[in-house]
Amino acid sequence: PAPYCSALEGQANRDVAVLCQSPGSDSPVAEPSCEVMVLHARGHRVAACRLSPGEAEGAAPAADASADASEGEAEADADHKNNVWRVSGKWLRDLGDGSKREEVISVVVDTDCPTSDSLDEKDSCVVVGTNHGRMVQLRRHMRHSSELVPAGALWNVLGKAALEEQVDGLATSLMTAIPGGLVLALREGQRNVHAIDVQNKKVVGKWRVPQLHGRIWTAIAGGAKHLYLANQGGACGNIPERWVDAKGYSCKAYSERKWCTSTGEYGTKWFLLWGHFSRYQNFGHTASTACCDCGGGDREDRTASSQIWRFPLPQELVKIVEERMR
């Protein structure tokens, strides 16, 4: 069994990254050393927990902090001892109205940084993704060792572009690290997979993933040869099937012209001067109630079923991995 990890006791985990380091030729241990980096506390904390036997952090959490220490100091000290880092929230934002607060939802660790022991002030091994589509490298705070702060952006999204990158559905893990210092990310409405070179902060490939009606891709994982994608959802049909608005525009037009989002809100190409969707109601419906692509339609429970698909890693990406692993 995995060693005890007190940092996660009673916590709801949001995402997990697995790290393994092969033993050296002179090591008496035959098996690789592994640990997990766990994003929890609604994206506000990251914990490192050992998986390999014999590397446990301890049998149980410490009983009490020092009576002389303040509550904040005691918490920081406990985090440091338990390999827990607080993710600074000062760089997170909203889209102006306060209703779409940015949150950290995914975490990966650059494969060139094999263990959390190497996460010092100069390293930017941890990469997090947000529900606004941003991907940011984190490093330890120079003065507060238990805090992670931005070190640089792998992918930045500004202005209206953030609306298009809003995470759709019950996303669980939209990034994964593969050998060679590469990160794969589900982006653009979870319709495309991007491969990003972490060190050079450069996109080295982009691929379209199959779109299944009524379903949304919610998680990604991968290795040196294959890519795994999970989706959720059920069947959905427009109501009525051939609905058009009062001007004659169909559900397809609303989707293709980016007039709506999959959550029923106004899309990036919808002009406020046009007024509300209700102004163009027809057959007792607006786009947000009639169209599957606009958050409406007659749909099954989107959480009722899930699927996991396996795809071969694109050959051009396999070549990059093989070259870097030599």
Protein backbone atom coordinates (compact mmCIF):
# COMPACT_ATOMS: atom_id res chain seq x y z
CA PRO A 1 0.00 0.00 0.00
CA ALA A 2 0.98 3.64 -0.52
CA PRO A 3 2.52 5.42 2.48
CA TYR A 4 0.33 7.58 4.69
CA CYS A 5 -0.13 11.16 3.39
CA SER A 6 -1.55 13.37 6.13
CA ALA A 7 -1.68 16.45 3.90
CA LEU A 8 -4.68 15.04 2.02
CA GLU A 9 -6.69 13.83 4.99
CA GLY A 10 -10.25 15.16 4.62
CA GLN A 11 -9.43 17.00 1.38
CA ALA A 12 -11.32 16.96 -1.92
CA ASN A 13 -8.74 16.42 -4.67
CA ARG A 14 -9.06 18.34 -7.91
CA ASP A 15 -6.23 16.93 -10.05
CA VAL A 16 -3.24 14.59 -9.72
CA ALA A 17 0.14 14.41 -11.46
CA VAL A 18 2.28 11.26 -11.08
CA LEU A 19 6.08 11.48 -11.03
CA CYS A 20 8.48 8.54 -11.24
CA GLN A 21 12.28 8.51 -11.19
CA SER A 22 14.22 5.46 -12.28
CA PRO A 23 16.89 4.25 -9.84
CA GLY A 24 20.49 4.89 -10.73
CA SER A 25 22.85 2.13 -11.71
CA ASP A 26 24.50 2.21 -8.26
CA SER A 27 21.19 2.33 -6.35
CA PRO A 28 20.33 -0.66 -4.12
CA VAL A 29 16.62 -0.08 -4.92
CA ALA A 30 15.37 -1.88 -8.03
CA GLU A 31 12.00 -0.20 -8.35
CA PRO A 32 11.47 3.42 -9.46
CA SER A 33 10.76 6.10 -6.86
CA CYS A 34 7.30 7.60 -7.38
CA GLU A 35 5.19 10.33 -5.88
CA VAL A 36 2.06 12.27 -6.74
CA MET A 37 1.49 16.01 -6.84
CA VAL A 38 -2.11 16.59 -5.79
CA LEU A 39 -4.07 19.77 -6.45
CA HIS A 40 -6.66 20.22 -3.70
CA ALA A 41 -8.47 22.80 -1.53
CA ARG A 42 -10.35 24.07 -4.61
CA GLY A 43 -7.10 24.69 -6.46
CA HIS A 44 -5.45 26.66 -3.65
CA ARG A 45 -2.92 24.02 -2.56
CA VAL A 46 -0.55 21.45 -4.03
CA ALA A 47 0.77 18.51 -1.98
CA ALA A 48 3.55 16.03 -2.75
CA CYS A 49 2.89 12.51 -1.47
CA ARG A 50 5.26 9.57 -1.74
CA LEU A 51 3.99 6.39 -3.37
CA SER A 52 7.02 4.18 -2.98
CA PRO A 53 7.30 2.06 0.21
CA GLY A 54 9.94 3.20 2.63
CA GLU A 55 9.57 6.86 1.72
CA ALA A 56 6.58 7.77 3.84
CA GLU A 57 6.39 11.21 5.36
CA GLY A 58 5.53 9.74 8.76
CA ALA A 59 2.99 7.54 10.45
CA ALA A 60 0.64 10.34 11.48
CA PRO A 61 0.32 14.13 11.46
CA ALA A 62 1.94 16.18 14.19
CA ALA A 63 -0.21 16.68 17.26
CA ASP A 64 0.04 20.44 17.86
CA ALA A 65 2.00 23.41 16.61
CA SER A 66 4.17 25.32 19.00
CA ALA A 67 2.22 27.44 21.44
CA ASP A 68 4.55 30.35 20.79
CA ALA A 69 3.89 30.37 17.04
CA SER A 70 1.08 32.36 15.48
CA GLU A 71 -1.68 30.51 13.69
CA GLY A 72 -0.34 31.59 10.29
CA GLU A 73 3.22 30.60 11.13
CA ALA A 74 2.06 27.26 12.49
CA GLU A 75 0.10 26.56 9.31
CA ALA A 76 3.04 27.50 7.09
CA ASP A 77 5.36 25.33 9.19
CA ALA A 78 2.97 22.39 8.96
CA ASP A 79 2.69 22.85 5.19
CA HIS A 80 6.46 22.88 4.85
CA LYS A 81 6.86 19.68 6.85
CA ASN A 82 4.08 17.91 4.91
CA ASN A 83 5.34 18.99 1.46
CA VAL A 84 2.32 21.23 0.87
CA TRP A 85 2.50 24.49 -1.06
CA ARG A 86 -0.12 27.22 -1.15
CA VAL A 87 -0.87 28.50 -4.66
CA SER A 88 -0.86 32.29 -4.63
CA GLY A 89 -4.21 33.67 -5.78
CA LYS A 90 -3.10 37.23 -6.52
CA TRP A 91 -2.67 36.54 -10.22
CA LEU A 92 -6.12 35.00 -10.69
CA ARG A 93 -8.84 37.21 -12.17
CA ASP A 94 -12.46 37.44 -13.30
CA LEU A 95 -13.95 38.59 -16.59
CA GLY A 96 -15.26 41.88 -15.27
CA ASP A 97 -18.58 41.09 -13.65
CA GLY A 98 -17.28 38.96 -10.80
CA SER A 99 -19.34 35.93 -11.83
CA LYS A 100 -16.58 34.01 -13.60
CA ARG A 101 -13.76 33.90 -11.10
CA GLU A 102 -10.62 32.24 -12.40
CA GLU A 103 -9.65 29.05 -10.58
CA VAL A 104 -6.77 26.61 -10.87
CA ILE A 105 -8.22 23.29 -12.09
CA SER A 106 -5.27 21.28 -13.47
CA VAL A 107 -1.69 20.53 -12.48
CA VAL A 108 1.26 18.81 -14.15
CA VAL A 109 4.96 18.62 -13.36
CA ASP A 110 7.60 18.99 -16.04
CA THR A 111 9.21 15.58 -16.62
CA ASP A 112 12.64 17.23 -16.47
CA CYS A 113 12.00 17.82 -12.74
CA PRO A 114 11.67 14.23 -11.46
CA THR A 115 10.82 14.89 -7.78
CA SER A 116 9.49 17.65 -5.59
CA ASP A 117 12.89 17.79 -3.85
CA SER A 118 14.14 19.76 -6.86
CA LEU A 119 11.44 22.42 -6.55
CA ASP A 120 13.52 25.34 -5.28
CA GLU A 121 13.28 29.07 -5.94
CA LYS A 122 14.97 28.82 -9.31
CA ASP A 123 12.90 25.96 -10.68
CA SER A 124 9.56 26.27 -12.51
CA CYS A 125 8.58 22.63 -12.55
CA VAL A 126 4.92 22.91 -11.61
CA VAL A 127 2.52 23.97 -14.37
CA VAL A 128 -1.10 24.77 -13.58
CA GLY A 129 -4.07 25.39 -15.84
CA THR A 130 -7.10 27.56 -15.09
CA ASN A 131 -10.74 27.54 -16.11
CA HIS A 132 -9.98 30.67 -18.17
CA GLY A 133 -7.56 28.73 -20.36
CA ARG A 134 -4.32 30.12 -18.94
CA MET A 135 -1.32 27.85 -18.36
CA VAL A 136 1.22 29.18 -15.87
CA GLN A 137 4.52 27.90 -14.54
CA LEU A 138 4.92 28.20 -10.77
CA ARG A 139 7.99 28.39 -8.55
CA ARG A 140 8.56 28.71 -4.84
CA HIS A 141 8.30 32.18 -3.34
CA MET A 142 11.78 33.53 -2.65
CA ARG A 143 10.93 34.42 0.96
CA HIS A 144 8.03 32.11 1.78
CA SER A 145 9.07 28.57 0.89
CA SER A 146 5.56 27.13 1.32
CA GLU A 147 4.01 29.42 -1.33
CA LEU A 148 4.01 28.97 -5.11
CA VAL A 149 3.93 32.07 -7.32
CA PRO A 150 3.91 32.58 -11.12
CA ALA A 151 7.27 32.23 -12.85
CA GLY A 152 6.02 32.66 -16.39
CA ALA A 153 3.11 31.96 -18.73
CA LEU A 154 3.04 28.99 -21.09
CA TRP A 155 -0.27 30.18 -22.49
CA ASN A 156 -1.91 33.51 -21.75
CA VAL A 157 -5.46 34.45 -22.68
CA LEU A 158 -6.62 38.05 -22.71
CA GLY A 159 -9.90 39.90 -23.18
CA LYS A 160 -12.69 38.25 -25.16
CA ALA A 161 -10.46 35.31 -26.02
CA ALA A 162 -10.95 34.12 -22.44
CA LEU A 163 -14.65 33.57 -23.21
CA GLU A 164 -13.77 31.06 -25.93
CA GLU A 165 -11.38 29.25 -23.59
CA GLN A 166 -13.92 28.86 -20.77
CA VAL A 167 -13.80 25.27 -19.61
CA ASP A 168 -16.94 23.39 -20.60
CA GLY A 169 -18.49 20.60 -18.57
CA LEU A 170 -17.14 18.77 -15.54
CA ALA A 171 -13.47 18.98 -16.50
CA THR A 172 -11.19 16.98 -14.23
CA SER A 173 -7.71 17.09 -15.77
CA LEU A 174 -7.06 19.12 -18.91
CA MET A 175 -3.26 18.75 -18.99
CA THR A 176 -0.78 15.89 -18.89
CA ALA A 177 3.01 15.70 -19.03
CA ILE A 178 4.77 13.24 -21.32
CA PRO A 179 8.48 12.37 -21.60
CA GLY A 180 10.75 14.93 -23.19
CA GLY A 181 9.58 17.98 -21.26
CA LEU A 182 6.28 18.23 -23.14
CA VAL A 183 2.80 19.07 -21.88
CA LEU A 184 -0.37 18.07 -23.72
CA ALA A 185 -3.42 20.24 -23.11
CA LEU A 186 -7.08 20.07 -24.09
CA ARG A 187 -7.92 23.56 -25.35
CA GLU A 188 -10.34 25.63 -27.44
CA GLY A 189 -13.52 24.30 -25.91
CA GLN A 190 -11.79 20.94 -25.30
CA ARG A 191 -11.88 20.30 -29.06
CA ASN A 192 -8.14 20.32 -29.74
CA VAL A 193 -4.99 18.89 -28.16
CA HIS A 194 -1.94 21.14 -28.10
CA ALA A 195 1.60 19.91 -27.44
CA ILE A 196 3.76 22.49 -25.66
CA ASP A 197 7.51 22.49 -25.11
CA VAL A 198 7.78 23.66 -21.49
CA GLN A 199 11.39 24.81 -21.55
CA ASN A 200 11.09 26.78 -24.79
CA LYS A 201 7.47 27.87 -24.15
CA LYS A 202 6.56 26.87 -27.68
CA VAL A 203 3.64 24.99 -29.24
CA VAL A 204 5.09 22.09 -31.23
CA GLY A 205 1.83 20.58 -32.48
CA LYS A 206 -1.95 20.78 -32.55
CA TRP A 207 -4.50 18.07 -33.32
CA ARG A 208 -8.29 17.98 -33.56
CA VAL A 209 -10.01 15.35 -31.42
CA PRO A 210 -13.24 13.60 -32.49
CA GLN A 211 -16.43 15.41 -31.51
CA LEU A 212 -19.22 13.20 -30.20
CA HIS A 213 -22.69 14.73 -30.16
CA GLY A 214 -23.86 15.47 -26.66
CA ARG A 215 -20.51 14.61 -25.07
CA ILE A 216 -17.55 16.69 -23.92
CA TRP A 217 -13.92 15.70 -23.37
CA THR A 218 -13.11 16.21 -19.68
CA ALA A 219 -9.68 14.67 -19.02
CA ILE A 220 -6.42 13.80 -20.76
CA ALA A 221 -3.52 11.50 -19.91
CA GLY A 222 -0.62 10.24 -21.97
CA GLY A 223 2.72 8.53 -22.29
CA ALA A 224 5.44 8.04 -24.86
CA LYS A 225 3.21 6.10 -27.28
CA HIS A 226 -0.48 6.68 -26.50
CA LEU A 227 -2.95 9.36 -25.51
CA TYR A 228 -6.00 8.72 -23.33
CA LEU A 229 -9.08 10.95 -23.31
CA ALA A 230 -12.13 10.73 -21.07
CA ASN A 231 -15.51 12.22 -21.88
CA GLN A 232 -18.86 12.63 -20.19
CA GLY A 233 -22.41 13.27 -21.29
CA GLY A 234 -25.40 11.78 -22.96
CA ALA A 235 -27.35 12.19 -26.17
CA CYS A 236 -28.85 15.58 -26.94
CA GLY A 237 -31.33 16.79 -29.55
CA ASN A 238 -32.43 20.30 -30.51
CA ILE A 239 -36.05 21.12 -29.62
CA PRO A 240 -37.72 21.33 -31.97
CA GLU A 241 -35.31 19.39 -34.18
CA ARG A 242 -35.18 22.04 -36.93
CA TRP A 243 -35.52 25.11 -34.71
CA VAL A 244 -34.78 28.55 -36.15
CA ASP A 245 -35.09 31.90 -34.43
CA ALA A 246 -37.45 34.71 -35.44
CA LYS A 247 -34.93 35.83 -38.08
CA GLY A 248 -34.54 32.35 -39.55
CA TYR A 249 -31.15 31.51 -38.03
CA SER A 250 -30.65 27.87 -36.98
CA CYS A 251 -28.84 26.30 -34.05
CA LYS A 252 -25.95 25.55 -36.39
CA ALA A 253 -25.69 29.24 -37.28
CA TYR A 254 -25.59 30.23 -33.61
CA SER A 255 -22.80 27.72 -32.97
CA GLU A 256 -20.67 28.33 -36.05
CA ARG A 257 -20.93 32.12 -35.77
CA LYS A 258 -20.06 32.00 -32.06
CA TRP A 259 -23.24 33.76 -31.01
CA CYS A 260 -23.65 31.48 -28.01
CA THR A 261 -21.60 29.34 -25.65
CA SER A 262 -22.22 25.75 -24.61
CA THR A 263 -23.37 27.01 -21.22
CA GLY A 264 -26.18 29.16 -22.65
CA GLU A 265 -24.42 32.51 -22.50
CA TYR A 266 -23.66 35.05 -25.21
CA GLY A 267 -20.75 34.13 -27.46
CA THR A 268 -17.81 36.28 -28.45
CA LYS A 269 -19.43 37.34 -31.74
CA TRP A 270 -22.81 38.31 -30.25
CA PHE A 271 -23.22 42.10 -30.19
CA LEU A 272 -24.92 43.59 -27.16
CA LEU A 273 -26.83 45.96 -29.47
CA TRP A 274 -28.72 42.93 -30.73
CA GLY A 275 -30.36 42.58 -27.35
CA HIS A 276 -31.25 39.40 -25.47
CA PHE A 277 -31.82 35.96 -26.99
CA SER A 278 -35.46 36.33 -25.95
CA ARG A 279 -35.87 39.04 -28.58
CA TYR A 280 -35.54 36.34 -31.25
CA GLN A 281 -37.64 33.66 -29.55
CA ASN A 282 -39.48 31.30 -31.88
CA PHE A 283 -41.61 28.17 -31.35
CA GLY A 284 -41.56 28.97 -27.63
CA HIS A 285 -37.77 28.72 -27.42
CA THR A 286 -34.62 30.82 -27.57
CA ALA A 287 -31.25 29.51 -28.69
CA SER A 288 -30.26 28.85 -25.07
CA THR A 289 -33.23 26.52 -24.54
CA ALA A 290 -33.58 24.97 -28.01
CA CYS A 291 -29.99 24.31 -29.10
CA CYS A 292 -27.65 21.68 -27.68
CA ASP A 293 -24.62 23.75 -28.68
CA CYS A 294 -26.03 26.70 -26.73
CA GLY A 295 -26.66 24.83 -23.50
CA GLY A 296 -30.25 23.83 -24.25
CA GLY A 297 -31.96 21.02 -26.12
CA ASP A 298 -33.35 17.74 -24.87
CA ARG A 299 -30.40 16.03 -23.27
CA GLU A 300 -29.65 13.16 -20.95
CA ASP A 301 -27.85 13.75 -17.67
CA ARG A 302 -24.33 14.79 -18.74
CA THR A 303 -22.80 13.08 -15.72
CA ALA A 304 -24.71 9.83 -16.24
CA SER A 305 -22.02 8.08 -18.27
CA SER A 306 -18.35 8.41 -19.03
CA GLN A 307 -16.03 6.88 -21.62
CA ILE A 308 -12.25 6.52 -21.96
CA TRP A 309 -10.75 6.45 -25.44
CA ARG A 310 -7.20 5.52 -26.40
CA PHE A 311 -5.45 7.14 -29.36
CA PRO A 312 -1.96 6.58 -30.74
CA LEU A 313 0.31 9.53 -30.13
CA PRO A 314 0.81 11.46 -33.42
CA GLN A 315 3.96 10.26 -35.17
CA GLU A 316 5.54 13.70 -35.29
CA LEU A 317 5.17 13.89 -31.52
CA VAL A 318 6.57 10.37 -31.03
CA LYS A 319 9.68 11.43 -32.98
CA ILE A 320 10.18 14.46 -30.70
CA VAL A 321 9.86 12.27 -27.59
CA GLU A 322 12.26 9.63 -28.92
CA GLU A 323 14.86 12.24 -29.86
CA ARG A 324 14.76 13.83 -26.41
CA MET A 325 14.89 10.51 -24.59
CA ARG A 326 18.10 9.37 -26.27
